[in-house]
Amino acid sequence: MKYIDIENWDRKEHFEFFSKFEEPFYGVVADVDCTGTYRQAKDNGDSFYLLYMHKIATAVNDSEPLRY
């Protein structure tokens, strides 16, 4: 696990603001065309769910502020 030095973190103010909330989380709702991913999974005999989750995790991790 990676530990973050809060005192020197460039997102310290965001952390302090949201950490005071009773539920310091947020969600995103969007329409996503998964046709290509569905076809890829089925053509390769893979689980659509696992491929979909992998693609979401990859997209989220491509945005540095969402990595933590």
Protein backbone atom coordinates (compact mmCIF):
# COMPACT_ATOMS: atom_id res chain seq x y z
CA MET A 1 0.00 0.00 0.00
CA LYS A 2 1.23 3.48 -0.83
CA TYR A 3 1.12 5.98 2.03
CA ILE A 4 0.50 9.63 1.26
CA ASP A 5 2.24 12.43 3.16
CA ILE A 6 -0.87 14.57 3.68
CA GLU A 7 1.09 17.62 4.81
CA ASN A 8 2.98 17.81 1.50
CA TRP A 9 0.28 16.45 -0.79
CA ASP A 10 -0.93 18.86 -3.48
CA ARG A 11 -4.52 17.67 -2.85
CA LYS A 12 -4.38 18.28 0.92
CA GLU A 13 -7.12 20.93 0.85
CA HIS A 14 -9.46 18.62 -1.08
CA PHE A 15 -8.79 15.79 1.35
CA GLU A 16 -9.44 17.95 4.40
CA PHE A 17 -12.65 19.33 2.92
CA PHE A 18 -14.17 15.99 1.92
CA SER A 19 -12.89 14.01 4.92
CA LYS A 20 -15.22 16.03 7.17
CA PHE A 21 -18.31 14.76 5.33
CA GLU A 22 -20.34 11.94 6.86
CA GLU A 23 -20.07 10.14 3.51
CA PRO A 24 -16.98 11.55 1.75
CA PHE A 25 -17.64 9.80 -1.56
CA TYR A 26 -19.04 10.76 -4.91
CA GLY A 27 -20.43 8.89 -7.85
CA VAL A 28 -20.60 9.36 -11.58
CA VAL A 29 -23.45 8.26 -13.81
CA ALA A 30 -22.99 8.18 -17.57
CA ASP A 31 -24.29 6.38 -20.61
CA VAL A 32 -21.50 4.24 -22.02
CA ASP A 33 -21.63 2.30 -25.27
CA CYS A 34 -20.15 -1.09 -24.35
CA THR A 35 -20.90 -2.78 -27.66
CA GLY A 36 -17.24 -3.14 -28.64
CA THR A 37 -16.23 -4.43 -25.23
CA TYR A 38 -19.14 -6.89 -25.20
CA ARG A 39 -18.19 -8.22 -28.63
CA GLN A 40 -14.51 -8.46 -27.65
CA ALA A 41 -15.38 -10.47 -24.54
CA LYS A 42 -17.73 -12.83 -26.35
CA ASP A 43 -15.39 -13.32 -29.33
CA ASN A 44 -12.56 -14.30 -26.96
CA GLY A 45 -14.72 -16.36 -24.58
CA ASP A 46 -14.00 -13.93 -21.74
CA SER A 47 -16.26 -12.54 -19.05
CA PHE A 48 -17.85 -9.27 -20.17
CA TYR A 49 -18.12 -8.17 -16.54
CA LEU A 50 -14.42 -8.69 -15.82
CA LEU A 51 -13.35 -6.98 -19.05
CA TYR A 52 -15.73 -4.08 -18.37
CA MET A 53 -14.42 -3.66 -14.80
CA HIS A 54 -10.82 -3.78 -16.04
CA LYS A 55 -11.52 -1.06 -18.60
CA ILE A 56 -13.23 1.13 -15.98
CA ALA A 57 -10.36 0.69 -13.51
CA THR A 58 -7.85 1.52 -16.25
CA ALA A 59 -9.77 4.69 -17.20
CA VAL A 60 -10.05 5.82 -13.58
CA ASN A 61 -6.36 5.19 -12.94
CA ASP A 62 -5.45 7.23 -16.02
CA SER A 63 -6.72 10.28 -14.09
CA GLU A 64 -4.19 11.03 -11.34
CA PRO A 65 -6.68 12.72 -8.93
CA LEU A 66 -8.86 9.59 -8.99
CA ARG A 67 -6.04 7.16 -8.16
CA TYR A 68 -6.21 7.67 -4.42
